[in-house]
């Protein structure tokens, strides 16, 4: 097996173990727990993730990459606007990744990491995909507005106040409509 492939497999095993432990325990695990769960030596872990913060960033980036792939799959079924608003009303099976992401982001903040989110590439990707579908000089602003509407739907869903699908579809159509001049 090529060295690059082995390194990628090891890195993925470490991140997957961190995800699984965070989900199972409700908190970000210690490096020692990740070593035991991943089957990687402590030196192997530290080679890929020298600190707990770098491990958390790696987990956030991994979740972001998975979210981009998931969002792109949704886009293939319709428009990016529909995909985003549908993604913004998570299903129960998606809540595990959301929980781990929130736990990871909170742990990063607690460690003093307050800069741009390592998950930020996902939101930038969503903005780009939506803006590509919109016409006009205000496409980027409208894309941001649509993403923020989705964020509102997301938090409403988390709080148990989700919007019915028919209303979400009508909202999607309204947001996709050109703005009259």
N, C-alpha and C. Protein backbone atom coordinates (compact mmCIF):
# COMPACT_ATOMS: atom_id res chain seq x y z
N UNK A 1 0.85 -1.18 0.00
CA UNK A 1 0.00 0.00 0.00
C UNK A 1 0.89 1.24 0.00
N UNK A 2 0.65 2.21 -0.91
CA UNK A 2 1.47 3.42 -0.94
C UNK A 2 1.41 4.17 0.40
N UNK A 3 2.50 4.84 0.73
CA UNK A 3 2.61 5.56 2.00
C UNK A 3 1.49 6.58 2.15
N UNK A 4 1.17 7.33 1.10
CA UNK A 4 0.10 8.34 1.17
C UNK A 4 -1.24 7.71 1.52
N UNK A 5 -1.54 6.56 0.93
CA UNK A 5 -2.81 5.87 1.21
C UNK A 5 -2.85 5.40 2.64
N UNK A 6 -1.72 4.83 3.13
CA UNK A 6 -1.66 4.39 4.53
C UNK A 6 -1.87 5.55 5.48
N UNK A 7 -1.23 6.69 5.18
CA UNK A 7 -1.36 7.87 6.04
C UNK A 7 -2.80 8.37 6.05
N UNK A 8 -3.44 8.36 4.88
CA UNK A 8 -4.84 8.79 4.80
C UNK A 8 -5.73 7.84 5.58
N UNK A 9 -5.49 6.53 5.45
CA UNK A 9 -6.27 5.55 6.19
C UNK A 9 -6.08 5.72 7.69
N UNK A 10 -4.86 5.95 8.13
CA UNK A 10 -4.57 6.15 9.55
C UNK A 10 -5.26 7.41 10.06
N UNK A 11 -5.14 8.47 9.31
CA UNK A 11 -5.77 9.75 9.68
C UNK A 11 -7.29 9.57 9.77
N UNK A 12 -7.87 8.89 8.80
CA UNK A 12 -9.32 8.65 8.80
C UNK A 12 -9.72 7.79 9.99
N UNK A 13 -8.94 6.77 10.30
CA UNK A 13 -9.24 5.91 11.45
C UNK A 13 -9.22 6.72 12.75
N UNK A 14 -8.27 7.62 12.87
CA UNK A 14 -8.17 8.46 14.07
C UNK A 14 -9.39 9.37 14.18
N UNK A 15 -9.74 10.02 13.09
CA UNK A 15 -10.87 10.95 13.11
C UNK A 15 -12.18 10.19 13.34
N UNK A 16 -12.34 9.04 12.70
CA UNK A 16 -13.56 8.25 12.89
C UNK A 16 -13.68 7.80 14.34
N UNK A 17 -12.58 7.38 14.94
CA UNK A 17 -12.60 6.97 16.35
C UNK A 17 -12.96 8.15 17.24
N UNK A 18 -12.45 9.32 16.93
CA UNK A 18 -12.78 10.52 17.70
C UNK A 18 -14.26 10.84 17.58
N UNK A 19 -14.79 10.73 16.37
CA UNK A 19 -16.22 10.94 16.15
C UNK A 19 -17.04 9.95 16.98
N UNK A 20 -16.72 8.68 16.87
CA UNK A 20 -17.47 7.63 17.55
C UNK A 20 -17.43 7.82 19.07
N UNK A 21 -16.26 8.15 19.60
CA UNK A 21 -16.13 8.35 21.05
C UNK A 21 -16.90 9.59 21.51
N UNK A 22 -16.83 10.66 20.73
CA UNK A 22 -17.56 11.88 21.08
C UNK A 22 -19.05 11.60 21.11
N UNK A 23 -19.54 10.89 20.12
CA UNK A 23 -20.95 10.54 20.06
C UNK A 23 -21.35 9.64 21.22
N UNK A 24 -20.54 8.64 21.52
CA UNK A 24 -20.87 7.69 22.57
C UNK A 24 -20.81 8.30 23.97
N UNK A 25 -19.84 9.19 24.19
CA UNK A 25 -19.60 9.72 25.54
C UNK A 25 -20.18 11.11 25.77
N UNK A 26 -20.63 11.78 24.70
CA UNK A 26 -21.18 13.12 24.86
C UNK A 26 -20.14 14.18 25.12
N UNK A 27 -18.88 13.86 24.91
CA UNK A 27 -17.79 14.82 25.11
C UNK A 27 -16.61 14.40 24.24
N UNK A 28 -15.76 15.36 23.95
CA UNK A 28 -14.57 15.07 23.15
C UNK A 28 -13.65 14.18 23.99
N UNK A 29 -13.16 13.08 23.42
CA UNK A 29 -12.35 12.13 24.19
C UNK A 29 -10.91 12.62 24.40
N UNK A 30 -10.25 11.97 25.32
CA UNK A 30 -8.82 12.23 25.53
C UNK A 30 -8.04 11.61 24.38
N UNK A 31 -6.81 12.06 24.23
CA UNK A 31 -5.95 11.48 23.18
C UNK A 31 -5.70 9.99 23.46
N UNK A 32 -5.55 9.64 24.73
CA UNK A 32 -5.34 8.23 25.08
C UNK A 32 -6.53 7.37 24.68
N UNK A 33 -7.74 7.88 24.87
CA UNK A 33 -8.94 7.12 24.48
C UNK A 33 -8.98 6.95 22.97
N UNK A 34 -8.56 7.98 22.23
CA UNK A 34 -8.54 7.89 20.77
C UNK A 34 -7.50 6.86 20.32
N UNK A 35 -6.37 6.83 20.99
CA UNK A 35 -5.33 5.84 20.67
C UNK A 35 -5.90 4.43 20.83
N UNK A 36 -6.55 4.18 21.96
CA UNK A 36 -7.12 2.84 22.21
C UNK A 36 -8.19 2.49 21.17
N UNK A 37 -9.07 3.43 20.87
CA UNK A 37 -10.19 3.14 19.97
C UNK A 37 -9.77 3.03 18.51
N UNK A 38 -8.74 3.76 18.12
CA UNK A 38 -8.34 3.78 16.71
C UNK A 38 -7.37 2.67 16.35
N UNK A 39 -6.70 2.11 17.36
CA UNK A 39 -5.70 1.08 17.09
C UNK A 39 -4.40 1.66 16.57
N UNK A 40 -4.24 2.95 16.71
CA UNK A 40 -3.02 3.63 16.27
C UNK A 40 -2.16 3.89 17.51
N UNK A 41 -0.85 3.86 17.34
CA UNK A 41 0.03 4.14 18.47
C UNK A 41 -0.07 5.62 18.85
N UNK A 42 0.36 5.92 20.05
CA UNK A 42 0.36 7.33 20.50
C UNK A 42 1.23 8.17 19.55
N UNK A 43 2.37 7.62 19.16
CA UNK A 43 3.24 8.33 18.22
C UNK A 43 2.57 8.54 16.87
N UNK A 44 1.81 7.53 16.42
CA UNK A 44 1.07 7.67 15.16
C UNK A 44 0.01 8.76 15.24
N UNK A 45 -0.68 8.79 16.37
CA UNK A 45 -1.69 9.84 16.56
C UNK A 45 -1.02 11.21 16.54
N UNK A 46 0.05 11.35 17.31
CA UNK A 46 0.73 12.65 17.41
C UNK A 46 1.40 13.05 16.10
N UNK A 47 1.75 12.08 15.27
CA UNK A 47 2.30 12.39 13.95
C UNK A 47 1.25 13.13 13.11
N UNK A 48 0.02 12.64 13.15
CA UNK A 48 -1.05 13.23 12.34
C UNK A 48 -1.70 14.43 13.02
N UNK A 49 -1.81 14.36 14.34
CA UNK A 49 -2.47 15.41 15.13
C UNK A 49 -1.63 15.68 16.37
N UNK A 50 -0.70 16.62 16.28
CA UNK A 50 0.24 16.86 17.39
C UNK A 50 -0.41 17.32 18.69
N UNK A 51 -1.61 17.88 18.61
CA UNK A 51 -2.30 18.35 19.82
C UNK A 51 -3.77 17.99 19.74
N UNK A 52 -4.44 18.11 20.86
CA UNK A 52 -5.88 17.85 20.89
C UNK A 52 -6.61 18.86 20.00
N UNK A 53 -6.13 20.10 19.98
CA UNK A 53 -6.75 21.12 19.14
C UNK A 53 -6.63 20.74 17.66
N UNK A 54 -5.47 20.25 17.24
CA UNK A 54 -5.34 19.85 15.82
C UNK A 54 -6.23 18.66 15.51
N UNK A 55 -6.42 17.78 16.49
CA UNK A 55 -7.34 16.65 16.30
C UNK A 55 -8.78 17.17 16.14
N UNK A 56 -9.16 18.12 16.97
CA UNK A 56 -10.51 18.69 16.87
C UNK A 56 -10.71 19.41 15.54
N UNK A 57 -9.69 20.13 15.12
CA UNK A 57 -9.78 20.78 13.80
C UNK A 57 -9.91 19.74 12.70
N UNK A 58 -9.16 18.67 12.81
CA UNK A 58 -9.27 17.58 11.83
C UNK A 58 -10.66 16.98 11.80
N UNK A 59 -11.26 16.81 12.97
CA UNK A 59 -12.62 16.28 13.04
C UNK A 59 -13.61 17.25 12.40
N UNK A 60 -13.47 18.55 12.69
CA UNK A 60 -14.36 19.56 12.09
C UNK A 60 -14.19 19.59 10.57
N UNK A 61 -12.96 19.51 10.09
CA UNK A 61 -12.72 19.50 8.64
C UNK A 61 -13.33 18.25 8.00
N UNK A 62 -13.19 17.11 8.65
CA UNK A 62 -13.75 15.85 8.16
C UNK A 62 -15.27 15.95 8.07
N UNK A 63 -15.88 16.49 9.11
CA UNK A 63 -17.34 16.66 9.10
C UNK A 63 -17.74 17.65 8.00
N UNK A 64 -16.95 18.69 7.80
CA UNK A 64 -17.23 19.65 6.73
C UNK A 64 -17.17 19.01 5.36
N UNK A 65 -16.14 18.17 5.13
CA UNK A 65 -16.01 17.49 3.85
C UNK A 65 -17.18 16.53 3.62
N UNK A 66 -17.59 15.81 4.67
CA UNK A 66 -18.74 14.92 4.55
C UNK A 66 -20.01 15.72 4.24
N UNK A 67 -20.14 16.88 4.86
CA UNK A 67 -21.32 17.73 4.64
C UNK A 67 -21.35 18.26 3.22
N UNK A 68 -20.20 18.62 2.67
CA UNK A 68 -20.14 19.09 1.29
C UNK A 68 -20.59 17.98 0.35
N UNK A 69 -20.09 16.78 0.55
CA UNK A 69 -20.48 15.65 -0.32
C UNK A 69 -21.98 15.39 -0.20
N UNK A 70 -22.50 15.42 1.02
CA UNK A 70 -23.94 15.20 1.26
C UNK A 70 -24.76 16.29 0.59
N UNK A 71 -24.35 17.54 0.74
CA UNK A 71 -25.06 18.66 0.13
C UNK A 71 -25.03 18.55 -1.40
N UNK A 72 -23.89 18.21 -1.95
CA UNK A 72 -23.78 18.06 -3.41
C UNK A 72 -24.70 16.95 -3.91
N UNK A 73 -24.83 15.87 -3.15
CA UNK A 73 -25.77 14.80 -3.51
C UNK A 73 -27.20 15.33 -3.52
N UNK A 74 -27.55 16.14 -2.52
CA UNK A 74 -28.89 16.74 -2.49
C UNK A 74 -29.10 17.68 -3.69
N UNK A 75 -28.06 18.40 -4.07
CA UNK A 75 -28.17 19.33 -5.21
C UNK A 75 -28.46 18.59 -6.51
N UNK A 76 -27.97 17.36 -6.64
CA UNK A 76 -28.21 16.58 -7.85
C UNK A 76 -29.69 16.21 -7.99
N UNK A 77 -30.44 16.27 -6.90
CA UNK A 77 -31.86 15.94 -6.92
C UNK A 77 -32.73 17.16 -7.22
N UNK A 78 -32.15 18.33 -7.27
CA UNK A 78 -32.90 19.56 -7.52
C UNK A 78 -31.97 20.75 -7.44
N UNK A 79 -32.52 21.88 -7.08
CA UNK A 79 -31.71 23.09 -7.02
C UNK A 79 -30.92 23.15 -5.71
N UNK A 80 -29.89 23.98 -5.71
CA UNK A 80 -29.10 24.18 -4.49
C UNK A 80 -29.94 24.85 -3.41
N UNK A 81 -30.87 25.70 -3.82
CA UNK A 81 -31.74 26.36 -2.84
C UNK A 81 -32.61 25.31 -2.16
N UNK A 82 -33.26 24.46 -2.94
CA UNK A 82 -34.08 23.38 -2.37
C UNK A 82 -33.22 22.48 -1.48
N UNK A 83 -32.02 22.16 -1.96
CA UNK A 83 -31.14 21.27 -1.21
C UNK A 83 -30.78 21.90 0.14
N UNK A 84 -30.45 23.19 0.12
CA UNK A 84 -30.05 23.84 1.36
C UNK A 84 -31.21 23.91 2.36
N UNK A 85 -32.38 24.28 1.88
CA UNK A 85 -33.52 24.38 2.80
C UNK A 85 -33.94 23.00 3.31
N UNK A 86 -33.80 21.98 2.49
CA UNK A 86 -34.07 20.61 2.95
C UNK A 86 -33.02 20.18 3.96
N UNK A 87 -31.76 20.50 3.69
CA UNK A 87 -30.68 20.15 4.61
C UNK A 87 -30.82 20.89 5.94
N UNK A 88 -31.49 22.02 5.90
CA UNK A 88 -31.64 22.84 7.10
C UNK A 88 -32.72 22.33 8.04
N UNK A 89 -33.40 21.28 7.64
CA UNK A 89 -34.37 20.62 8.52
C UNK A 89 -33.90 19.19 8.72
N UNK A 90 -32.91 19.01 9.60
CA UNK A 90 -32.24 17.70 9.72
C UNK A 90 -33.16 16.58 10.20
N UNK A 91 -32.86 15.42 9.68
CA UNK A 91 -33.55 14.20 10.10
C UNK A 91 -32.83 13.65 11.34
N UNK A 92 -33.47 12.75 12.02
CA UNK A 92 -32.89 12.24 13.27
C UNK A 92 -31.52 11.60 13.05
N UNK A 93 -31.33 10.91 11.92
CA UNK A 93 -30.04 10.26 11.67
C UNK A 93 -28.92 11.28 11.44
N UNK A 94 -29.26 12.49 11.02
CA UNK A 94 -28.27 13.54 10.79
C UNK A 94 -27.89 14.25 12.09
N UNK A 95 -28.71 14.06 13.12
CA UNK A 95 -28.46 14.75 14.39
C UNK A 95 -27.17 14.29 15.06
N UNK A 96 -26.73 13.06 14.82
CA UNK A 96 -25.47 12.60 15.42
C UNK A 96 -24.30 13.45 14.95
N UNK A 97 -24.23 13.70 13.65
CA UNK A 97 -23.14 14.53 13.14
C UNK A 97 -23.25 15.95 13.65
N UNK A 98 -24.45 16.46 13.77
CA UNK A 98 -24.65 17.81 14.29
C UNK A 98 -24.19 17.88 15.74
N UNK A 99 -24.56 16.87 16.53
CA UNK A 99 -24.14 16.84 17.93
C UNK A 99 -22.61 16.84 18.03
N UNK A 100 -21.96 15.98 17.27
CA UNK A 100 -20.50 15.90 17.33
C UNK A 100 -19.88 17.21 16.86
N UNK A 101 -20.43 17.82 15.82
CA UNK A 101 -19.90 19.10 15.35
C UNK A 101 -20.03 20.16 16.43
N UNK A 102 -21.20 20.28 17.05
CA UNK A 102 -21.40 21.27 18.11
C UNK A 102 -20.44 21.02 19.28
N UNK A 103 -20.30 19.77 19.65
CA UNK A 103 -19.40 19.42 20.76
C UNK A 103 -17.96 19.79 20.41
N UNK A 104 -17.57 19.50 19.18
CA UNK A 104 -16.22 19.81 18.72
C UNK A 104 -15.98 21.32 18.69
N UNK A 105 -16.94 22.06 18.15
CA UNK A 105 -16.78 23.52 18.06
C UNK A 105 -16.72 24.15 19.46
N UNK A 106 -17.52 23.63 20.39
CA UNK A 106 -17.49 24.14 21.76
C UNK A 106 -16.14 23.85 22.41
N UNK A 107 -15.60 22.66 22.18
CA UNK A 107 -14.30 22.31 22.73
C UNK A 107 -13.20 23.20 22.15
N UNK A 108 -13.30 23.52 20.86
CA UNK A 108 -12.33 24.42 20.25
C UNK A 108 -12.43 25.82 20.86
N UNK A 109 -13.65 26.30 21.07
CA UNK A 109 -13.82 27.62 21.71
C UNK A 109 -13.25 27.60 23.13
N UNK A 110 -13.50 26.53 23.85
CA UNK A 110 -12.99 26.40 25.22
C UNK A 110 -11.46 26.41 25.25
N UNK A 111 -10.86 25.93 24.17
CA UNK A 111 -9.39 25.91 24.06
C UNK A 111 -8.84 27.24 23.55
N UNK A 112 -9.72 28.23 23.38
CA UNK A 112 -9.28 29.54 22.93
C UNK A 112 -9.23 29.71 21.43
N UNK A 113 -9.74 28.73 20.70
CA UNK A 113 -9.75 28.78 19.24
C UNK A 113 -11.02 29.50 18.78
N UNK A 114 -10.93 30.78 18.56
CA UNK A 114 -12.12 31.56 18.22
C UNK A 114 -12.09 32.08 16.80
N UNK A 115 -11.12 31.67 16.02
CA UNK A 115 -11.01 32.15 14.64
C UNK A 115 -12.05 31.50 13.74
N UNK A 116 -11.81 31.62 12.45
CA UNK A 116 -12.72 31.03 11.48
C UNK A 116 -12.88 29.54 11.74
N UNK A 117 -14.09 29.08 11.56
CA UNK A 117 -14.41 27.69 11.80
C UNK A 117 -13.74 26.79 10.77
N UNK A 118 -13.27 25.66 11.24
CA UNK A 118 -12.72 24.66 10.33
C UNK A 118 -13.83 24.02 9.51
N UNK A 119 -15.07 24.29 9.89
CA UNK A 119 -16.25 23.81 9.17
C UNK A 119 -16.70 24.86 8.16
N UNK A 120 -16.05 26.02 8.18
CA UNK A 120 -16.44 27.15 7.35
C UNK A 120 -16.42 26.90 5.85
N UNK A 121 -15.60 25.97 5.40
CA UNK A 121 -15.56 25.67 3.97
C UNK A 121 -16.92 25.16 3.50
N UNK A 122 -17.63 24.47 4.38
CA UNK A 122 -18.96 23.98 4.02
C UNK A 122 -19.90 25.16 3.73
N UNK A 123 -19.96 26.13 4.62
CA UNK A 123 -20.88 27.24 4.39
C UNK A 123 -20.47 28.06 3.17
N UNK A 124 -19.17 28.22 2.95
CA UNK A 124 -18.71 28.92 1.74
C UNK A 124 -19.13 28.15 0.50
N UNK A 125 -19.06 26.84 0.54
CA UNK A 125 -19.46 25.99 -0.58
C UNK A 125 -20.96 26.16 -0.86
N UNK A 126 -21.76 26.14 0.21
CA UNK A 126 -23.21 26.33 0.06
C UNK A 126 -23.49 27.68 -0.58
N UNK A 127 -22.85 28.73 -0.08
CA UNK A 127 -23.06 30.07 -0.64
C UNK A 127 -22.74 30.10 -2.14
N UNK A 128 -21.61 29.49 -2.52
CA UNK A 128 -21.21 29.48 -3.94
C UNK A 128 -22.23 28.74 -4.80
N UNK A 129 -22.65 27.55 -4.33
CA UNK A 129 -23.60 26.75 -5.12
C UNK A 129 -24.92 27.49 -5.30
N UNK A 130 -25.39 28.14 -4.26
CA UNK A 130 -26.66 28.88 -4.36
C UNK A 130 -26.49 30.08 -5.28
N UNK A 131 -25.41 30.83 -5.12
CA UNK A 131 -25.17 32.02 -5.94
C UNK A 131 -25.08 31.66 -7.42
N UNK A 132 -24.54 30.49 -7.74
CA UNK A 132 -24.44 30.05 -9.13
C UNK A 132 -25.81 29.91 -9.78
N UNK A 133 -26.83 29.63 -8.99
CA UNK A 133 -28.19 29.45 -9.52
C UNK A 133 -28.96 30.76 -9.65
N UNK A 134 -28.48 31.79 -9.02
CA UNK A 134 -29.20 33.05 -9.00
C UNK A 134 -28.66 33.99 -10.07
N UNK A 135 -29.55 34.79 -10.62
CA UNK A 135 -29.13 35.75 -11.63
C UNK A 135 -29.08 37.14 -11.01
N UNK A 136 -28.29 37.99 -11.61
CA UNK A 136 -28.29 39.38 -11.21
C UNK A 136 -27.08 39.77 -10.38
N UNK A 137 -26.89 41.07 -10.27
CA UNK A 137 -25.72 41.58 -9.56
C UNK A 137 -25.77 41.32 -8.05
N UNK A 138 -26.95 41.02 -7.53
CA UNK A 138 -27.09 40.78 -6.09
C UNK A 138 -27.10 39.29 -5.74
N UNK A 139 -26.62 38.45 -6.64
CA UNK A 139 -26.68 36.99 -6.44
C UNK A 139 -25.97 36.57 -5.15
N UNK A 140 -24.80 37.15 -4.86
CA UNK A 140 -24.07 36.76 -3.65
C UNK A 140 -24.83 37.15 -2.39
N UNK A 141 -25.44 38.33 -2.40
CA UNK A 141 -26.22 38.77 -1.23
C UNK A 141 -27.45 37.89 -1.06
N UNK A 142 -28.12 37.58 -2.15
CA UNK A 142 -29.30 36.71 -2.07
C UNK A 142 -28.92 35.31 -1.60
N UNK A 143 -27.77 34.82 -2.06
CA UNK A 143 -27.30 33.50 -1.62
C UNK A 143 -27.06 33.51 -0.11
N UNK A 144 -26.44 34.56 0.39
CA UNK A 144 -26.21 34.67 1.83
C UNK A 144 -27.54 34.72 2.57
N UNK A 145 -28.49 35.49 2.06
CA UNK A 145 -29.81 35.57 2.68
C UNK A 145 -30.47 34.19 2.72
N UNK A 146 -30.39 33.46 1.62
CA UNK A 146 -30.98 32.12 1.56
C UNK A 146 -30.30 31.19 2.57
N UNK A 147 -28.96 31.28 2.66
CA UNK A 147 -28.27 30.44 3.64
C UNK A 147 -28.69 30.80 5.06
N UNK A 148 -28.86 32.08 5.34
CA UNK A 148 -29.27 32.49 6.68
C UNK A 148 -30.71 32.07 6.98
N UNK A 149 -31.58 32.08 5.97
CA UNK A 149 -32.93 31.55 6.16
C UNK A 149 -32.84 30.07 6.53
N UNK A 150 -31.98 29.35 5.83
CA UNK A 150 -31.77 27.93 6.15
C UNK A 150 -31.25 27.75 7.57
N UNK A 151 -30.34 28.64 7.99
CA UNK A 151 -29.84 28.57 9.37
C UNK A 151 -31.00 28.74 10.36
N UNK A 152 -31.92 29.65 10.06
CA UNK A 152 -33.09 29.85 10.92
C UNK A 152 -33.96 28.61 10.96
N UNK A 153 -34.17 27.99 9.80
CA UNK A 153 -34.94 26.74 9.76
C UNK A 153 -34.26 25.65 10.60
N UNK A 154 -32.93 25.63 10.51
CA UNK A 154 -32.15 24.64 11.24
C UNK A 154 -32.35 24.79 12.74
N UNK A 155 -32.21 26.02 13.24
CA UNK A 155 -32.35 26.22 14.68
C UNK A 155 -33.79 26.00 15.13
N UNK A 156 -34.75 26.37 14.30
CA UNK A 156 -36.15 26.08 14.64
C UNK A 156 -36.35 24.57 14.75
N UNK A 157 -35.75 23.83 13.84
CA UNK A 157 -35.87 22.38 13.86
C UNK A 157 -35.23 21.80 15.13
N UNK A 158 -34.06 22.32 15.49
CA UNK A 158 -33.38 21.84 16.70
C UNK A 158 -34.22 22.09 17.94
N UNK A 159 -34.97 23.18 17.92
CA UNK A 159 -35.80 23.54 19.08
C UNK A 159 -37.18 22.90 19.03
N UNK A 160 -37.41 22.05 18.03
CA UNK A 160 -38.68 21.33 17.95
C UNK A 160 -39.80 22.12 17.30
N UNK A 161 -39.45 23.14 16.55
CA UNK A 161 -40.44 23.98 15.90
C UNK A 161 -40.20 24.00 14.39
N UNK A 162 -40.14 22.82 13.80
CA UNK A 162 -39.81 22.75 12.38
C UNK A 162 -40.96 23.27 11.51
N UNK A 163 -40.60 23.73 10.34
CA UNK A 163 -41.54 24.26 9.36
C UNK A 163 -42.05 23.09 8.52
N UNK A 164 -43.36 23.01 8.30
CA UNK A 164 -43.89 21.93 7.46
C UNK A 164 -43.26 21.95 6.07
N UNK A 165 -43.15 20.77 5.47
CA UNK A 165 -42.47 20.66 4.17
C UNK A 165 -43.12 21.53 3.10
N UNK A 166 -44.44 21.61 3.07
CA UNK A 166 -45.12 22.44 2.06
C UNK A 166 -44.73 23.91 2.22
N UNK A 167 -44.63 24.37 3.43
CA UNK A 167 -44.23 25.76 3.67
C UNK A 167 -42.77 25.96 3.27
N UNK A 168 -41.92 24.97 3.56
CA UNK A 168 -40.51 25.06 3.18
C UNK A 168 -40.37 25.11 1.66
N UNK A 169 -41.13 24.30 0.94
CA UNK A 169 -41.07 24.30 -0.53
C UNK A 169 -41.54 25.64 -1.09
N UNK A 170 -42.61 26.20 -0.52
CA UNK A 170 -43.09 27.52 -0.96
C UNK A 170 -42.03 28.58 -0.69
N UNK A 171 -41.38 28.49 0.44
CA UNK A 171 -40.32 29.43 0.79
C UNK A 171 -39.17 29.31 -0.21
N UNK A 172 -38.84 28.10 -0.58
CA UNK A 172 -37.76 27.87 -1.54
C UNK A 172 -38.10 28.53 -2.88
N UNK A 173 -39.32 28.35 -3.33
CA UNK A 173 -39.73 28.98 -4.60
C UNK A 173 -39.66 30.50 -4.51
N UNK A 174 -40.12 31.05 -3.40
CA UNK A 174 -40.12 32.51 -3.23
C UNK A 174 -38.70 33.06 -3.21
N UNK A 175 -37.81 32.37 -2.50
CA UNK A 175 -36.43 32.84 -2.42
C UNK A 175 -35.68 32.72 -3.74
N UNK A 176 -36.08 31.76 -4.57
CA UNK A 176 -35.42 31.57 -5.87
C UNK A 176 -35.92 32.56 -6.92
N UNK A 177 -37.09 33.15 -6.67
CA UNK A 177 -37.68 34.05 -7.65
C UNK A 177 -36.83 35.32 -7.79
N UNK A 178 -36.71 35.82 -9.03
CA UNK A 178 -35.95 37.05 -9.22
C UNK A 178 -36.59 38.21 -8.45
N UNK A 179 -35.73 39.08 -7.98
CA UNK A 179 -36.20 40.26 -7.25
C UNK A 179 -36.65 41.30 -8.27
N UNK A 180 -37.90 41.80 -8.13
CA UNK A 180 -38.35 42.81 -9.09
C UNK A 180 -37.52 44.08 -8.97
N UNK A 181 -37.28 44.73 -10.12
CA UNK A 181 -36.47 45.95 -10.06
C UNK A 181 -37.33 47.19 -10.02
